[in-house]
Amino acid sequence: MRVVNADLQENTHEELILGLLVDGGPDYVSGEALSGKLGLSRTAVWKVVNALRRHGYHIEAVPSRGYRLLETPDRLTPLEVLPLLETHDLGRTLHAFDAVDSTNVVAFRLAMEGAEHGELVVAEQQTQGRGRRGRSWSSPGHLNLYCSFVLRPELPPQRAPELTLLAAVAVAESLRAADVPADIKWPNDLLVGGRKVAGILTELSADPDRVHFVIVGIGVNLNVRREDFPPELAETATSVLEVTGRPVLRAAFAAGLARRLEDWLDLHAAQGFRPVRERWRALSATLGQEVLVTSERREIRGVAIDVDEDGALRIRTGDGTEERVLAGDVEQVRPRLAPPPPARAW
C-alpha cells in the first residue's frame, strides 16, 4: 500500500496502530500486542498513541487492559480513510490535500504522469470545483466529500459513458445506506426531493480505439447546512445532514463509496453494462417523467422512457417519435396547475 499525503508527513506507525485499534472495535488492544506486531517498545507505542491524540483521536488507555479507540476526528487523510477501506484497488493509493483547485484537475495530471488504476484524490476544499458543462461546484471546506478516482478500464471509448451511470449507482447506494432516499437524474446528478445532494464529473483520455484512463470525480454534500450554500443554491441543493439531521463521518462515507464503486466496476468488467443499466433504472428519478433536454444545438421535450445499451437517454416526443440523447441538461417539466374555479356568488 502506498500513501501520498500532501499535508502530513508519512507516519507508518501511526497508521498501523490506528488500523489495529479500528480492528479492535470496542475491545481493548494490549500494549504488548501492539509492541509485538509493530516491533516497537511499549514506550514507543505510548508516544505514537499520544501523537494520534494530538491529531484529534480520543484513545482510552487502561492499565493491564491496553488501548481502545473511542472517537475519530472528521478528517480526510490516510490516517482516517485507509483503515476503513475494504477494496482491492480503489483508494489504496491515496493523495490527500487540504485544498486544491479541483480534484479532477489533480487526478487528471497524476494519470498523465502514470497514476495506476484506483488511485484516489481527496481534498478538504476545492477553490475551483467543477461540474458538468463548465459549471462550478460549491466546495466549502471540511464539510463534504470531494474526490476523484483514476480508472484504467479495458473499454473502447464509445463505452466510457457507461461509467458515469455506474458511478451514479454507487453514489445513490452509498447515500441510501446513510438513510438518504436519493434518486438519479440522468446522467449524473443525485437528488432528494428534487434537490441536488451529489454530482459526478467524468473525464477521459483516449485514442479512437482505446481508453487510456477515466477520471470519475464525485462531490457529495454531507455536512453542509442550508445557510452554508451560496444564495443561488439554497433552494436547489441539500445535504445528508439536512435530510437526516445527523452529521456524517466523512472518512467512513468515502470508504463505503469506494467499496460500492469497486463492486460495480468488477461486475461491469465481468458482465458488461446490463446489470448496471437495470440497477440504474430502479434508482432513476428521470424515467417516466416529462423532461426538457437542452444541448448545445437543440431542445427536446418528451417523456423519458429508458436508457439504452450505451447509456443514452431515450425520449418519446409529443408526436410519438423517439430521440436518443447522449449529452445535455435534463429538466423535469412540472405539469401546470389548473386555475382555481371562479368564485361563486351567494
Protein backbone atom coordinates (compact mmCIF):
# COMPACT_ATOMS: atom_id res chain seq x y z
CA MET A 1 0.00 0.00 0.00
CA ARG A 2 1.39 3.41 -0.96
CA VAL A 3 0.16 6.57 0.74
CA VAL A 4 0.68 10.07 -0.60
CA ASN A 5 -0.37 12.81 1.78
CA ALA A 6 0.26 16.37 0.70
CA ASP A 7 -0.26 17.92 4.13
CA LEU A 8 1.02 15.47 6.77
CA GLN A 9 4.34 13.67 6.88
CA GLU A 10 4.04 9.96 6.31
CA ASN A 11 3.66 8.22 9.67
CA THR A 12 3.61 4.48 9.16
CA HIS A 13 3.50 3.65 12.86
CA GLU A 14 0.53 5.96 13.42
CA GLU A 15 -1.34 4.35 10.53
CA LEU A 16 -0.59 0.82 11.71
CA ILE A 17 -1.56 1.44 15.33
CA LEU A 18 -4.71 3.24 14.26
CA GLY A 19 -5.58 0.31 11.98
CA LEU A 20 -5.13 -2.16 14.85
CA LEU A 21 -7.30 -0.06 17.15
CA VAL A 22 -10.00 0.19 14.48
CA ASP A 23 -9.86 -3.60 14.04
CA GLY A 24 -10.22 -3.99 17.81
CA GLY A 25 -13.58 -2.22 17.77
CA PRO A 26 -14.94 -1.76 21.32
CA ASP A 27 -12.33 -4.13 22.79
CA TYR A 28 -9.02 -3.10 24.29
CA VAL A 29 -5.82 -3.88 22.40
CA SER A 30 -2.97 -4.55 24.78
CA GLY A 31 0.20 -2.54 24.63
CA GLU A 32 2.10 -5.82 24.48
CA ALA A 33 0.19 -6.86 21.37
CA LEU A 34 0.84 -3.52 19.70
CA SER A 35 4.54 -3.73 20.62
CA GLY A 36 4.88 -7.24 19.26
CA LYS A 37 3.07 -6.60 15.98
CA LEU A 38 4.97 -3.39 15.23
CA GLY A 39 8.35 -4.30 16.71
CA LEU A 40 8.27 -1.25 18.98
CA SER A 41 8.94 -0.80 22.66
CA ARG A 42 5.99 -0.11 24.97
CA THR A 43 7.33 3.42 25.41
CA ALA A 44 7.40 3.94 21.65
CA VAL A 45 3.80 2.72 21.39
CA TRP A 46 2.80 5.23 24.07
CA LYS A 47 4.45 8.04 22.11
CA VAL A 48 2.61 7.06 18.92
CA VAL A 49 -0.70 6.95 20.80
CA ASN A 50 -0.06 10.43 22.13
CA ALA A 51 0.72 11.65 18.61
CA LEU A 52 -2.64 10.27 17.46
CA ARG A 53 -4.33 12.07 20.35
CA ARG A 54 -2.77 15.33 19.17
CA HIS A 55 -4.38 14.68 15.75
CA GLY A 56 -7.75 14.56 17.48
CA TYR A 57 -8.21 10.84 18.19
CA HIS A 58 -9.82 10.01 21.53
CA ILE A 59 -7.92 6.92 22.70
CA GLU A 60 -8.54 5.43 26.11
CA ALA A 61 -5.65 3.79 27.98
CA VAL A 62 -6.34 1.45 30.91
CA PRO A 63 -3.52 -0.28 32.84
CA SER A 64 -3.40 -4.05 32.34
CA ARG A 65 -6.01 -3.83 29.57
CA GLY A 66 -4.49 -1.67 26.86
CA TYR A 67 -5.87 0.88 24.45
CA ARG A 68 -9.15 1.38 22.61
CA LEU A 69 -10.34 3.96 20.14
CA LEU A 70 -13.37 5.92 21.36
CA GLU A 71 -13.66 8.73 18.81
CA THR A 72 -12.19 9.61 15.43
CA PRO A 73 -11.80 13.18 14.12
CA ASP A 74 -13.73 14.11 10.99
CA ARG A 75 -10.82 14.43 8.59
CA LEU A 76 -9.97 13.03 5.17
CA THR A 77 -6.37 11.90 5.47
CA PRO A 78 -4.78 8.47 5.11
CA LEU A 79 -4.96 8.02 8.89
CA GLU A 80 -8.75 8.16 8.73
CA VAL A 81 -9.53 6.63 5.34
CA LEU A 82 -7.10 3.76 4.83
CA PRO A 83 -8.03 1.68 7.91
CA LEU A 84 -11.66 1.71 6.75
CA LEU A 85 -11.09 0.61 3.15
CA GLU A 86 -12.47 -2.76 2.01
CA THR A 87 -11.22 -2.56 -1.58
CA HIS A 88 -8.51 -4.30 -3.55
CA ASP A 89 -7.57 -1.32 -5.76
CA LEU A 90 -9.70 1.77 -5.26
CA GLY A 91 -8.23 4.20 -2.75
CA ARG A 92 -5.26 2.02 -1.87
CA THR A 93 -3.04 4.80 -3.14
CA LEU A 94 -4.44 7.96 -1.62
CA HIS A 95 -3.49 11.55 -2.43
CA ALA A 96 -4.90 13.79 0.31
CA PHE A 97 -4.88 17.58 0.25
CA ASP A 98 -6.19 20.32 2.47
CA ALA A 99 -7.12 22.43 -0.58
CA VAL A 100 -6.83 22.09 -4.35
CA ASP A 101 -8.33 23.92 -7.29
CA SER A 102 -10.16 20.74 -8.38
CA THR A 103 -9.65 17.07 -7.50
CA ASN A 104 -10.37 16.20 -11.14
CA VAL A 105 -7.58 18.50 -12.32
CA VAL A 106 -5.14 16.90 -9.87
CA ALA A 107 -6.25 13.35 -10.75
CA PHE A 108 -6.01 14.05 -14.49
CA ARG A 109 -2.46 15.33 -14.06
CA LEU A 110 -1.50 12.31 -11.96
CA ALA A 111 -2.99 9.97 -14.57
CA MET A 112 -0.98 11.68 -17.31
CA GLU A 113 2.11 11.06 -15.16
CA GLY A 114 1.30 7.35 -14.86
CA ALA A 115 -1.01 7.03 -11.86
CA GLU A 116 -2.36 3.50 -11.61
CA HIS A 117 -5.92 2.21 -11.65
CA GLY A 118 -7.71 3.01 -8.42
CA GLU A 119 -5.60 5.93 -7.23
CA LEU A 120 -7.77 8.39 -5.32
CA VAL A 121 -7.50 12.14 -4.82
CA VAL A 122 -9.40 13.68 -1.88
CA ALA A 123 -9.45 17.27 -0.71
CA GLU A 124 -10.95 19.08 2.24
CA GLN A 125 -11.76 22.03 0.00
CA GLN A 126 -11.81 22.95 -3.69
CA THR A 127 -11.16 26.51 -4.76
CA GLN A 128 -12.38 25.90 -8.32
CA GLY A 129 -14.68 22.90 -8.01
CA ARG A 130 -16.09 21.86 -11.36
CA GLY A 131 -19.38 20.44 -12.55
CA ARG A 132 -20.59 19.44 -15.99
CA ARG A 133 -20.57 21.84 -18.94
CA GLY A 134 -18.16 24.26 -17.27
CA ARG A 135 -20.27 24.93 -14.19
CA SER A 136 -18.74 25.46 -10.77
CA TRP A 137 -19.31 23.17 -7.79
CA SER A 138 -19.69 24.81 -4.38
CA SER A 139 -16.94 23.31 -2.19
CA PRO A 140 -16.84 24.70 1.36
CA GLY A 141 -14.02 23.32 3.47
CA HIS A 142 -14.10 20.41 5.93
CA LEU A 143 -17.79 19.63 5.44
CA ASN A 144 -18.30 17.46 2.37
CA LEU A 145 -16.63 14.86 0.20
CA TYR A 146 -14.70 15.96 -2.88
CA CYS A 147 -12.85 13.11 -4.55
CA SER A 148 -11.66 11.81 -7.92
CA PHE A 149 -10.75 8.25 -8.89
CA VAL A 150 -8.27 7.31 -11.60
CA LEU A 151 -9.66 4.36 -13.55
CA ARG A 152 -8.00 2.40 -16.34
CA PRO A 153 -10.79 0.20 -17.69
CA GLU A 154 -10.50 -2.17 -20.62
CA LEU A 155 -13.14 -0.36 -22.67
CA PRO A 156 -13.45 1.20 -26.12
CA PRO A 157 -14.06 4.97 -25.92
CA GLN A 158 -17.68 4.70 -27.04
CA ARG A 159 -18.47 2.72 -23.88
CA ALA A 160 -16.90 5.22 -21.48
CA PRO A 161 -20.26 6.96 -20.78
CA GLU A 162 -21.38 3.73 -19.08
CA LEU A 163 -19.02 4.59 -16.22
CA THR A 164 -20.91 7.78 -15.40
CA LEU A 165 -24.13 5.82 -14.89
CA LEU A 166 -22.21 3.17 -12.96
CA ALA A 167 -20.76 5.80 -10.63
CA ALA A 168 -24.21 7.31 -10.14
CA VAL A 169 -25.49 3.91 -8.99
CA ALA A 170 -22.63 3.59 -6.49
CA VAL A 171 -23.23 7.08 -5.10
CA ALA A 172 -27.00 6.52 -4.86
CA GLU A 173 -26.48 3.27 -2.96
CA SER A 174 -23.99 4.96 -0.62
CA LEU A 175 -26.49 7.72 0.12
CA ARG A 176 -29.28 5.23 0.71
CA ALA A 177 -27.04 3.36 3.14
CA ALA A 178 -26.86 6.68 5.04
CA ASP A 179 -30.69 6.83 5.16
CA VAL A 180 -30.91 9.38 2.34
CA PRO A 181 -33.52 8.32 -0.28
CA ALA A 182 -31.52 9.58 -3.25
CA ASP A 183 -32.56 9.05 -6.87
CA ILE A 184 -30.56 9.58 -10.05
CA LYS A 185 -31.32 12.32 -12.55
CA TRP A 186 -29.82 11.36 -15.89
CA PRO A 187 -26.96 11.18 -16.26
CA ASN A 188 -25.01 12.28 -13.23
CA ASP A 189 -26.97 14.11 -10.52
CA LEU A 190 -28.27 12.64 -7.27
CA LEU A 191 -31.48 14.18 -5.98
CA VAL A 192 -33.51 14.07 -2.79
CA GLY A 193 -36.96 15.57 -3.16
CA GLY A 194 -35.80 17.37 -6.28
CA ARG A 195 -32.76 18.93 -4.56
CA LYS A 196 -29.23 18.04 -5.59
CA VAL A 197 -27.20 16.18 -2.98
CA ALA A 198 -24.35 14.91 -5.18
CA GLY A 199 -22.89 15.16 -8.66
CA ILE A 200 -20.45 13.32 -10.87
CA LEU A 201 -17.98 14.65 -13.46
CA THR A 202 -16.38 12.06 -15.74
CA GLU A 203 -13.42 12.95 -17.97
CA LEU A 204 -11.28 10.71 -20.12
CA SER A 205 -8.18 10.44 -22.22
CA ALA A 206 -8.50 8.10 -25.18
CA ASP A 207 -7.37 7.16 -28.66
CA PRO A 208 -10.01 6.30 -31.28
CA ASP A 209 -9.76 2.61 -30.35
CA ARG A 210 -8.91 2.54 -26.64
CA VAL A 211 -9.30 4.40 -23.36
CA HIS A 212 -6.10 5.49 -21.66
CA PHE A 213 -7.80 6.46 -18.42
CA VAL A 214 -11.04 7.81 -16.99
CA ILE A 215 -11.31 10.29 -14.14
CA VAL A 216 -14.50 9.93 -12.11
CA GLY A 217 -14.97 12.99 -9.93
CA ILE A 218 -17.60 12.84 -7.21
CA GLY A 219 -18.89 15.60 -4.96
CA VAL A 220 -21.31 14.74 -2.15
CA ASN A 221 -22.90 17.28 0.16
CA LEU A 222 -22.51 15.62 3.54
CA ASN A 223 -22.36 18.01 6.49
CA VAL A 224 -23.09 21.36 4.85
CA ARG A 225 -26.09 23.29 6.19
CA ARG A 226 -28.55 25.25 4.13
CA GLU A 227 -27.11 28.57 5.30
CA ASP A 228 -23.66 27.46 4.08
CA PHE A 229 -24.79 27.20 0.45
CA PRO A 230 -24.42 30.20 -1.86
CA PRO A 231 -27.74 32.06 -2.18
CA GLU A 232 -28.29 30.77 -5.72
CA LEU A 233 -28.15 27.16 -4.46
CA ALA A 234 -30.06 27.43 -1.20
CA GLU A 235 -33.36 26.38 -2.82
CA THR A 236 -31.99 23.69 -5.13
CA ALA A 237 -29.32 21.86 -3.07
CA THR A 238 -29.37 19.79 0.09
CA SER A 239 -27.08 17.55 2.14
CA VAL A 240 -27.13 14.35 4.15
CA LEU A 241 -27.14 16.40 7.34
CA GLU A 242 -30.12 18.44 6.17
CA VAL A 243 -32.06 15.30 5.22
CA THR A 244 -31.29 13.10 8.23
CA GLY A 245 -30.45 15.61 10.94
CA ARG A 246 -27.27 13.64 11.67
CA PRO A 247 -23.65 14.50 10.81
CA VAL A 248 -21.69 12.05 8.67
CA LEU A 249 -18.23 10.68 9.38
CA ARG A 250 -16.75 11.59 6.02
CA ALA A 251 -13.91 9.04 6.01
CA ALA A 252 -16.39 6.20 6.57
CA PHE A 253 -18.62 7.51 3.78
CA ALA A 254 -15.63 7.78 1.41
CA ALA A 255 -14.53 4.22 2.21
CA GLY A 256 -18.04 2.87 1.69
CA LEU A 257 -18.35 4.71 -1.60
CA ALA A 258 -15.02 3.29 -2.80
CA ARG A 259 -16.19 -0.24 -1.97
CA ARG A 260 -19.51 0.14 -3.79
CA LEU A 261 -17.86 1.74 -6.78
CA GLU A 262 -15.32 -1.07 -6.99
CA ASP A 263 -18.01 -3.74 -6.63
CA TRP A 264 -19.91 -2.25 -9.58
CA LEU A 265 -16.72 -1.87 -11.63
CA ASP A 266 -15.91 -5.55 -11.03
CA LEU A 267 -19.43 -6.58 -12.05
CA HIS A 268 -19.27 -4.34 -15.10
CA ALA A 269 -15.97 -5.90 -16.15
CA ALA A 270 -17.41 -9.40 -15.74
CA GLN A 271 -20.95 -8.94 -17.11
CA GLY A 272 -20.99 -5.70 -19.07
CA PHE A 273 -23.43 -2.83 -18.80
CA ARG A 274 -26.65 -4.85 -18.39
CA PRO A 275 -26.67 -5.17 -14.55
CA VAL A 276 -25.64 -1.52 -14.19
CA ARG A 277 -28.44 -0.48 -16.52
CA GLU A 278 -31.01 -2.50 -14.59
CA ARG A 279 -29.95 -1.01 -11.26
CA TRP A 280 -29.81 2.50 -12.73
CA ARG A 281 -33.39 2.11 -13.94
CA ALA A 282 -34.53 1.11 -10.46
CA LEU A 283 -32.88 4.20 -8.95
CA SER A 284 -33.88 6.68 -11.65
CA ALA A 285 -35.76 9.90 -10.97
CA THR A 286 -35.92 10.60 -14.73
CA LEU A 287 -37.65 7.63 -16.35
CA GLY A 288 -41.37 8.05 -16.80
CA GLN A 289 -41.15 11.81 -16.36
CA GLU A 290 -41.81 14.55 -18.87
CA VAL A 291 -38.48 16.26 -19.43
CA LEU A 292 -36.89 19.06 -21.38
CA VAL A 293 -33.38 18.23 -22.60
CA THR A 294 -31.19 21.13 -23.66
CA SER A 295 -27.99 20.57 -25.59
CA GLU A 296 -25.71 22.98 -27.41
CA ARG A 297 -27.70 22.66 -30.62
CA ARG A 298 -31.34 21.98 -29.74
CA GLU A 299 -34.05 21.25 -27.20
CA ILE A 300 -36.07 18.05 -26.93
CA ARG A 301 -39.24 17.74 -24.92
CA GLY A 302 -40.99 14.48 -24.20
CA VAL A 303 -41.26 11.56 -21.81
CA ALA A 304 -38.06 9.79 -20.74
CA ILE A 305 -38.77 6.13 -21.42
CA ASP A 306 -35.44 4.32 -20.99
CA VAL A 307 -31.67 4.30 -21.17
CA ASP A 308 -30.33 2.15 -23.96
CA GLU A 309 -27.36 -0.21 -24.17
CA ASP A 310 -24.77 2.58 -24.23
CA GLY A 311 -26.34 4.80 -21.58
CA ALA A 312 -28.12 7.20 -23.92
CA LEU A 313 -31.46 8.56 -22.73
CA ARG A 314 -34.44 7.65 -24.90
CA ILE A 315 -37.24 10.19 -25.11
CA ARG A 316 -40.65 9.84 -26.73
CA THR A 317 -41.70 13.23 -28.05
CA GLY A 318 -45.21 14.57 -28.40
CA ASP A 319 -45.59 13.31 -31.97
CA GLY A 320 -44.70 9.76 -30.94
CA THR A 321 -41.16 9.65 -32.32
CA GLU A 322 -38.19 8.55 -30.22
CA GLU A 323 -34.99 10.51 -29.72
CA ARG A 324 -31.66 9.34 -28.30
CA VAL A 325 -29.78 11.83 -26.16
CA LEU A 326 -26.11 11.27 -25.39
CA ALA A 327 -25.42 14.58 -23.65
CA GLY A 328 -27.40 17.52 -22.37
CA ASP A 329 -29.11 19.10 -19.40
CA VAL A 330 -32.30 17.42 -18.24
CA GLU A 331 -35.06 19.38 -16.56
CA GLN A 332 -38.19 17.71 -15.33
CA VAL A 333 -41.23 19.52 -16.67
CA ARG A 334 -43.74 20.05 -13.94
CA PRO A 335 -47.35 19.91 -15.04
CA ARG A 336 -49.12 23.21 -14.96
CA LEU A 337 -51.57 23.61 -12.14
CA ALA A 338 -55.18 24.02 -13.19
CA PRO A 339 -56.53 27.53 -12.47
CA PRO A 340 -58.79 27.73 -9.43
CA PRO A 341 -62.52 27.64 -10.12
CA PRO A 342 -64.26 31.02 -10.28
CA ALA A 343 -65.73 32.27 -7.05
CA ARG A 344 -69.41 31.54 -6.67
CA ALA A 345 -71.88 34.28 -5.92
CA TRP A 346 -74.10 33.60 -2.97
